[in-house]
Amino acid sequence: KENDANVFLQINGENKGYFSIKNKYREGYEKIIFYFKKQNGGGKKNKVHLLSGDNERSREELTPLFGANLHYFQSPKDKLNFIKKLQAADESVLMFGDGLNDAGALQQSDVGIVITEDTNNFTPACDAILDAKYFTQLPKYAQYMKNALRLIYAAYGFAFVYNVIGLSYAVQGNLSPVVAAVLMPLSSVSIVLFGVLSSTWMAWKIGIGDKNHH
């Protein structure tokens, strides 16, 4: 077939047949791409690019998803330079990769996420490793990361209020040394508990809170 990769078998100069290998994409990839295209980052609409070391056989099939942002015959160095070019244009880059050829570009990206079937053996330099069986959960993880940022701000706000109240009592001489000694570590413990409980609750609410997710 025209869009398949064909491997021919030849014995003693005579063609005996061929294997036709069709591109197989990860389940749910279209929804994932549409999700990230709809998101806005820093007030700008996201641009989604495909960097592939393969030939252009899949261009016609993938053009409806990526438009002109399809880049084939990309070597590891080409991918790395492409990421650097985007960053030089003041773009923040989130990259997903699933092969060793992506390692340099993943490390260069602002956030690099590896998608792998073997989380124990394939661990290139990156910010996160996602088990491939959870690939369809990417939008949920993205939402969780956004909520986690809000959680960090809330934790800072909690710590600020806690310390302001404690300081106001201290400068008035209303706190004994023993009480102050107890309140100081209690502040850190409270923030840790707040973070753990809040992040756990958010994960369950979004739908990624079962024990099998990593």
C-alpha atoms as a PDB file:
ATOM      1  CA  LYS A   1       0.000   0.000   0.000  1.00  0.00           C
ATOM      2  CA  GLU A   2       1.166   3.521  -0.755  1.00  0.00           C
ATOM      3  CA  ASN A   3       1.253   4.758   2.840  1.00  0.00           C
ATOM      4  CA  ASP A   4       2.746   1.564   4.276  1.00  0.00           C
ATOM      5  CA  ALA A   5       6.416   0.701   4.673  1.00  0.00           C
ATOM      6  CA  ASN A   6       7.265  -2.300   2.502  1.00  0.00           C
ATOM      7  CA  VAL A   7      10.073  -4.751   3.218  1.00  0.00           C
ATOM      8  CA  PHE A   8      10.804  -7.050   0.273  1.00  0.00           C
ATOM      9  CA  LEU A   9      12.096 -10.611   0.529  1.00  0.00           C
ATOM     10  CA  GLN A  10      14.536 -11.699  -2.162  1.00  0.00           C
ATOM     11  CA  ILE A  11      16.218 -15.087  -2.505  1.00  0.00           C
ATOM     12  CA  ASN A  12      19.003 -15.587  -5.075  1.00  0.00           C
ATOM     13  CA  GLY A  13      17.977 -12.405  -6.860  1.00  0.00           C
ATOM     14  CA  GLU A  14      14.328 -13.476  -7.133  1.00  0.00           C
ATOM     15  CA  ASN A  15      11.555 -11.546  -5.368  1.00  0.00           C
ATOM     16  CA  LYS A  16       9.581 -13.937  -3.193  1.00  0.00           C
ATOM     17  CA  GLY A  17       7.249 -11.475  -1.504  1.00  0.00           C
ATOM     18  CA  TYR A  18       7.126  -8.555   0.852  1.00  0.00           C
ATOM     19  CA  PHE A  19       5.966  -7.432   4.261  1.00  0.00           C
ATOM     20  CA  SER A  20       3.712  -4.394   4.375  1.00  0.00           C
ATOM     21  CA  ILE A  21       4.092  -2.516   7.653  1.00  0.00           C
ATOM     22  CA  LYS A  22       1.403   0.004   8.514  1.00  0.00           C
ATOM     23  CA  ASN A  23       1.962   2.893  10.892  1.00  0.00           C
ATOM     24  CA  LYS A  24       0.278   2.228  14.200  1.00  0.00           C
ATOM     25  CA  TYR A  25      -0.354   5.157  16.499  1.00  0.00           C
ATOM     26  CA  ARG A  26      -1.051   5.111  20.195  1.00  0.00           C
ATOM     27  CA  GLU A  27      -4.683   4.717  21.130  1.00  0.00           C
ATOM     28  CA  GLY A  28      -6.425   8.049  21.680  1.00  0.00           C
ATOM     29  CA  TYR A  29      -3.653  10.121  20.087  1.00  0.00           C
ATOM     30  CA  GLU A  30      -6.117  12.320  18.162  1.00  0.00           C
ATOM     31  CA  LYS A  31      -7.948  13.408  21.311  1.00  0.00           C
ATOM     32  CA  ILE A  32      -4.636  14.124  23.022  1.00  0.00           C
ATOM     33  CA  ILE A  33      -3.454  16.348  20.165  1.00  0.00           C
ATOM     34  CA  PHE A  34      -6.742  18.234  19.980  1.00  0.00           C
ATOM     35  CA  TYR A  35      -6.651  18.762  23.750  1.00  0.00           C
ATOM     36  CA  PHE A  36      -3.222  20.403  23.719  1.00  0.00           C
ATOM     37  CA  LYS A  37      -4.067  22.476  20.650  1.00  0.00           C
ATOM     38  CA  LYS A  38      -7.061  23.958  22.486  1.00  0.00           C
ATOM     39  CA  GLN A  39      -5.022  24.948  25.537  1.00  0.00           C
ATOM     40  CA  ASN A  40      -3.519  28.398  25.932  1.00  0.00           C
ATOM     41  CA  GLY A  41      -0.090  28.977  27.391  1.00  0.00           C
ATOM     42  CA  GLY A  42       0.949  32.427  28.560  1.00  0.00           C
ATOM     43  CA  GLY A  43      -1.962  34.015  26.693  1.00  0.00           C
ATOM     44  CA  LYS A  44      -0.904  32.377  23.417  1.00  0.00           C
ATOM     45  CA  LYS A  45      -2.555  29.465  21.679  1.00  0.00           C
ATOM     46  CA  ASN A  46      -0.480  26.306  21.778  1.00  0.00           C
ATOM     47  CA  LYS A  47       1.272  25.101  18.647  1.00  0.00           C
ATOM     48  CA  VAL A  48       1.662  21.339  18.268  1.00  0.00           C
ATOM     49  CA  HIS A  49       4.497  19.971  16.122  1.00  0.00           C
ATOM     50  CA  LEU A  50       5.455  16.458  15.110  1.00  0.00           C
ATOM     51  CA  LEU A  51       9.178  15.691  14.854  1.00  0.00           C
ATOM     52  CA  SER A  52       9.747  12.316  13.234  1.00  0.00           C
ATOM     53  CA  GLY A  53      12.816  10.474  12.038  1.00  0.00           C
ATOM     54  CA  ASP A  54      10.655   8.531   9.577  1.00  0.00           C
ATOM     55  CA  ASN A  55       9.782   9.367   5.980  1.00  0.00           C
ATOM     56  CA  GLU A  56       6.719  11.325   4.858  1.00  0.00           C
ATOM     57  CA  ARG A  57       4.372   8.411   4.230  1.00  0.00           C
ATOM     58  CA  SER A  58       2.080   9.508   7.059  1.00  0.00           C
ATOM     59  CA  ARG A  59       1.916  13.183   6.027  1.00  0.00           C
ATOM     60  CA  GLU A  60      -1.456  12.915   4.286  1.00  0.00           C
ATOM     61  CA  GLU A  61      -2.972  11.075   7.246  1.00  0.00           C
ATOM     62  CA  LEU A  62      -1.631  13.456   9.895  1.00  0.00           C
ATOM     63  CA  THR A  63      -2.029  16.799   8.130  1.00  0.00           C
ATOM     64  CA  PRO A  64      -5.604  17.297   9.460  1.00  0.00           C
ATOM     65  CA  LEU A  65      -4.147  17.166  12.980  1.00  0.00           C
ATOM     66  CA  PHE A  66      -0.877  19.068  12.591  1.00  0.00           C
ATOM     67  CA  GLY A  67      -1.377  21.190   9.500  1.00  0.00           C
ATOM     68  CA  ALA A  68       1.975  22.433   8.283  1.00  0.00           C
ATOM     69  CA  ASN A  69       3.693  21.517  11.572  1.00  0.00           C
ATOM     70  CA  LEU A  70       4.899  18.143  10.338  1.00  0.00           C
ATOM     71  CA  HIS A  71       8.664  17.617  10.271  1.00  0.00           C
ATOM     72  CA  TYR A  72      10.096  14.379   8.849  1.00  0.00           C
ATOM     73  CA  PHE A  73      13.586  12.931   8.407  1.00  0.00           C
ATOM     74  CA  GLN A  74      14.566  14.508  11.731  1.00  0.00           C
ATOM     75  CA  SER A  75      17.823  13.300  13.224  1.00  0.00           C
ATOM     76  CA  PRO A  76      18.411  13.609  17.004  1.00  0.00           C
ATOM     77  CA  LYS A  77      20.441  16.773  16.313  1.00  0.00           C
ATOM     78  CA  ASP A  78      17.651  18.187  14.122  1.00  0.00           C
ATOM     79  CA  LYS A  79      15.151  17.665  16.931  1.00  0.00           C
ATOM     80  CA  LEU A  80      17.465  19.311  19.437  1.00  0.00           C
ATOM     81  CA  ASN A  81      18.030  22.319  17.176  1.00  0.00           C
ATOM     82  CA  PHE A  82      14.286  22.633  16.544  1.00  0.00           C
ATOM     83  CA  ILE A  83      13.630  22.895  20.292  1.00  0.00           C
ATOM     84  CA  LYS A  84      16.419  25.466  20.656  1.00  0.00           C
ATOM     85  CA  LYS A  85      14.941  27.502  17.798  1.00  0.00           C
ATOM     86  CA  LEU A  86      11.536  27.617  19.495  1.00  0.00           C
ATOM     87  CA  GLN A  87      13.106  28.658  22.790  1.00  0.00           C
ATOM     88  CA  ALA A  88      15.124  31.363  21.054  1.00  0.00           C
ATOM     89  CA  ALA A  89      11.785  32.749  19.833  1.00  0.00           C
ATOM     90  CA  ASP A  90      10.681  32.998  23.494  1.00  0.00           C
ATOM     91  CA  GLU A  91       8.519  29.880  23.307  1.00  0.00           C
ATOM     92  CA  SER A  92       8.107  27.473  26.224  1.00  0.00           C
ATOM     93  CA  VAL A  93       8.355  23.887  25.045  1.00  0.00           C
ATOM     94  CA  LEU A  94       6.621  20.791  26.380  1.00  0.00           C
ATOM     95  CA  MET A  95       7.865  17.697  24.557  1.00  0.00           C
ATOM     96  CA  PHE A  96       6.726  14.094  24.551  1.00  0.00           C
ATOM     97  CA  GLY A  97       9.083  11.419  23.253  1.00  0.00           C
ATOM     98  CA  ASP A  98       9.300   7.650  23.240  1.00  0.00           C
ATOM     99  CA  GLY A  99      12.705   6.805  21.805  1.00  0.00           C
ATOM    100  CA  LEU A 100      16.430   7.306  22.348  1.00  0.00           C
ATOM    101  CA  ASN A 101      16.498   9.641  19.342  1.00  0.00           C
ATOM    102  CA  ASP A 102      14.416  12.060  21.410  1.00  0.00           C
ATOM    103  CA  ALA A 103      16.750  12.108  24.426  1.00  0.00           C
ATOM    104  CA  GLY A 104      18.654  15.308  23.600  1.00  0.00           C
ATOM    105  CA  ALA A 105      15.539  17.254  22.646  1.00  0.00           C
ATOM    106  CA  LEU A 106      13.715  16.038  25.763  1.00  0.00           C
ATOM    107  CA  GLN A 107      16.529  17.273  27.964  1.00  0.00           C
ATOM    108  CA  GLN A 108      16.610  20.635  26.177  1.00  0.00           C
ATOM    109  CA  SER A 109      12.838  21.180  26.441  1.00  0.00           C
ATOM    110  CA  ASP A 110      11.403  23.245  29.265  1.00  0.00           C
ATOM    111  CA  VAL A 111       9.433  20.149  30.223  1.00  0.00           C
ATOM    112  CA  GLY A 112      10.328  16.772  28.736  1.00  0.00           C
ATOM    113  CA  ILE A 113       8.088  13.741  29.249  1.00  0.00           C
ATOM    114  CA  VAL A 114       9.028  10.230  28.151  1.00  0.00           C
ATOM    115  CA  ILE A 115       6.296   7.779  27.198  1.00  0.00           C
ATOM    116  CA  THR A 116       7.539   4.222  27.521  1.00  0.00           C
ATOM    117  CA  GLU A 117       6.313   0.659  27.853  1.00  0.00           C
ATOM    118  CA  ASP A 118       9.218  -0.104  30.203  1.00  0.00           C
ATOM    119  CA  THR A 119       9.568   2.462  32.965  1.00  0.00           C
ATOM    120  CA  ASN A 120      12.462   0.539  34.537  1.00  0.00           C
ATOM    121  CA  ASN A 121      14.874   0.307  31.599  1.00  0.00           C
ATOM    122  CA  PHE A 122      14.163   3.341  29.397  1.00  0.00           C
ATOM    123  CA  THR A 123      14.939   6.375  31.544  1.00  0.00           C
ATOM    124  CA  PRO A 124      16.590   9.187  29.537  1.00  0.00           C
ATOM    125  CA  ALA A 125      17.213  12.597  31.066  1.00  0.00           C
ATOM    126  CA  CYS A 126      13.763  14.151  31.337  1.00  0.00           C
ATOM    127  CA  ASP A 127      11.343  15.699  33.799  1.00  0.00           C
ATOM    128  CA  ALA A 128       8.809  12.867  33.948  1.00  0.00           C
ATOM    129  CA  ILE A 129       8.325   9.293  32.780  1.00  0.00           C
ATOM    130  CA  LEU A 130       4.823   8.138  31.846  1.00  0.00           C
ATOM    131  CA  ASP A 131       3.852   4.497  31.519  1.00  0.00           C
ATOM    132  CA  ALA A 132       2.488   4.109  27.991  1.00  0.00           C
ATOM    133  CA  LYS A 133      -0.674   2.408  29.217  1.00  0.00           C
ATOM    134  CA  TYR A 134      -1.693   5.732  30.777  1.00  0.00           C
ATOM    135  CA  PHE A 135      -1.151   7.705  27.573  1.00  0.00           C
ATOM    136  CA  THR A 136      -4.880   8.436  27.212  1.00  0.00           C
ATOM    137  CA  GLN A 137      -4.813  10.023  30.681  1.00  0.00           C
ATOM    138  CA  LEU A 138      -2.509  12.846  29.576  1.00  0.00           C
ATOM    139  CA  PRO A 139      -5.245  15.538  29.619  1.00  0.00           C
ATOM    140  CA  LYS A 140      -6.037  14.574  33.220  1.00  0.00           C
ATOM    141  CA  TYR A 141      -2.369  14.776  34.188  1.00  0.00           C
ATOM    142  CA  ALA A 142      -2.121  18.170  32.490  1.00  0.00           C
ATOM    143  CA  GLN A 143      -5.108  19.399  34.484  1.00  0.00           C
ATOM    144  CA  TYR A 144      -3.563  17.997  37.646  1.00  0.00           C
ATOM    145  CA  MET A 145      -0.337  19.931  36.985  1.00  0.00           C
ATOM    146  CA  LYS A 146      -2.303  23.161  36.556  1.00  0.00           C
ATOM    147  CA  ASN A 147      -4.127  22.539  39.829  1.00  0.00           C
ATOM    148  CA  ALA A 148      -0.833  21.669  41.517  1.00  0.00           C
ATOM    149  CA  LEU A 149       0.499  25.125  40.643  1.00  0.00           C
ATOM    150  CA  ARG A 150      -2.519  26.681  42.339  1.00  0.00           C
ATOM    151  CA  LEU A 151      -1.870  24.419  45.300  1.00  0.00           C
ATOM    152  CA  ILE A 152       1.693  25.716  45.597  1.00  0.00           C
ATOM    153  CA  TYR A 153       0.425  29.297  45.645  1.00  0.00           C
ATOM    154  CA  ALA A 154      -2.133  28.342  48.289  1.00  0.00           C
ATOM    155  CA  ALA A 155       0.586  26.716  50.414  1.00  0.00           C
ATOM    156  CA  TYR A 156       2.709  29.879  50.241  1.00  0.00           C
ATOM    157  CA  GLY A 157      -0.334  31.931  51.185  1.00  0.00           C
ATOM    158  CA  PHE A 158      -1.074  29.645  54.125  1.00  0.00           C
ATOM    159  CA  ALA A 159       2.533  29.888  55.345  1.00  0.00           C
ATOM    160  CA  PHE A 160       2.507  33.663  54.990  1.00  0.00           C
ATOM    161  CA  VAL A 161      -0.707  34.099  56.977  1.00  0.00           C
ATOM    162  CA  TYR A 162       0.456  31.620  59.621  1.00  0.00           C
ATOM    163  CA  ASN A 163       3.731  33.473  60.152  1.00  0.00           C
ATOM    164  CA  VAL A 164       2.140  36.924  60.136  1.00  0.00           C
ATOM    165  CA  ILE A 165      -0.297  35.869  62.850  1.00  0.00           C
ATOM    166  CA  GLY A 166       2.455  34.209  64.866  1.00  0.00           C
ATOM    167  CA  LEU A 167       4.737  37.229  64.494  1.00  0.00           C
ATOM    168  CA  SER A 168       2.002  39.627  65.590  1.00  0.00           C
ATOM    169  CA  TYR A 169       1.561  37.667  68.824  1.00  0.00           C
ATOM    170  CA  ALA A 170       5.321  37.366  69.335  1.00  0.00           C
ATOM    171  CA  VAL A 171       6.094  41.100  69.058  1.00  0.00           C
ATOM    172  CA  GLN A 172       3.410  41.810  71.634  1.00  0.00           C
ATOM    173  CA  GLY A 173       5.063  39.419  74.066  1.00  0.00           C
ATOM    174  CA  ASN A 174       2.040  37.124  74.166  1.00  0.00           C
ATOM    175  CA  LEU A 175       3.943  33.941  73.278  1.00  0.00           C
ATOM    176  CA  SER A 176       6.061  32.051  75.758  1.00  0.00           C
ATOM    177  CA  PRO A 177       9.302  30.466  74.477  1.00  0.00           C
ATOM    178  CA  VAL A 178       7.796  26.988  74.878  1.00  0.00           C
ATOM    179  CA  VAL A 179       4.739  27.831  72.751  1.00  0.00           C
ATOM    180  CA  ALA A 180       6.926  29.499  70.133  1.00  0.00           C
ATOM    181  CA  ALA A 181       9.159  26.400  70.013  1.00  0.00           C
ATOM    182  CA  VAL A 182       6.076  24.255  69.340  1.00  0.00           C
ATOM    183  CA  LEU A 183       4.546  26.574  66.734  1.00  0.00           C
ATOM    184  CA  MET A 184       7.685  26.826  64.600  1.00  0.00           C
ATOM    185  CA  PRO A 185       7.893  23.148  63.522  1.00  0.00           C
ATOM    186  CA  LEU A 186       4.095  22.958  63.520  1.00  0.00           C
ATOM    187  CA  SER A 187       4.108  25.442  60.652  1.00  0.00           C
ATOM    188  CA  SER A 188       6.185  23.103  58.469  1.00  0.00           C
ATOM    189  CA  VAL A 189       4.149  20.062  59.465  1.00  0.00           C
ATOM    190  CA  SER A 190       0.905  21.883  58.638  1.00  0.00           C
ATOM    191  CA  ILE A 191       2.139  22.855  55.170  1.00  0.00           C
ATOM    192  CA  VAL A 192       3.278  19.293  54.430  1.00  0.00           C
ATOM    193  CA  LEU A 193      -0.071  17.866  55.545  1.00  0.00           C
ATOM    194  CA  PHE A 194      -1.914  20.511  53.547  1.00  0.00           C
ATOM    195  CA  GLY A 195       0.085  19.629  50.429  1.00  0.00           C
ATOM    196  CA  VAL A 196      -0.302  15.860  50.781  1.00  0.00           C
ATOM    197  CA  LEU A 197      -4.018  15.902  51.552  1.00  0.00           C
ATOM    198  CA  SER A 198      -4.858  18.526  48.934  1.00  0.00           C
ATOM    199  CA  SER A 199      -2.870  16.858  46.141  1.00  0.00           C
ATOM    200  CA  THR A 200      -4.386  13.470  46.989  1.00  0.00           C
ATOM    201  CA  TRP A 201      -7.885  14.933  46.935  1.00  0.00           C
ATOM    202  CA  MET A 202      -7.221  16.656  43.585  1.00  0.00           C
ATOM    203  CA  ALA A 203      -5.948  13.415  42.066  1.00  0.00           C
ATOM    204  CA  TRP A 204      -9.080  11.546  43.103  1.00  0.00           C
ATOM    205  CA  LYS A 205     -11.310  14.343  41.866  1.00  0.00           C
ATOM    206  CA  ILE A 206      -9.658  14.396  38.425  1.00  0.00           C
ATOM    207  CA  GLY A 207      -9.668  10.614  38.173  1.00  0.00           C
ATOM    208  CA  ILE A 208      -5.995   9.679  38.516  1.00  0.00           C
ATOM    209  CA  GLY A 209      -6.008   8.839  42.171  1.00  0.00           C
ATOM    210  CA  ASP A 210      -6.024   5.029  42.075  1.00  0.00           C
ATOM    211  CA  LYS A 211      -2.991   3.189  43.329  1.00  0.00           C
ATOM    212  CA  ASN A 212      -1.992   1.967  39.854  1.00  0.00           C
ATOM    213  CA  HIS A 213      -1.130   5.449  38.564  1.00  0.00           C
ATOM    214  CA  HIS A 214       2.451   6.645  38.869  1.00  0.00           C
END
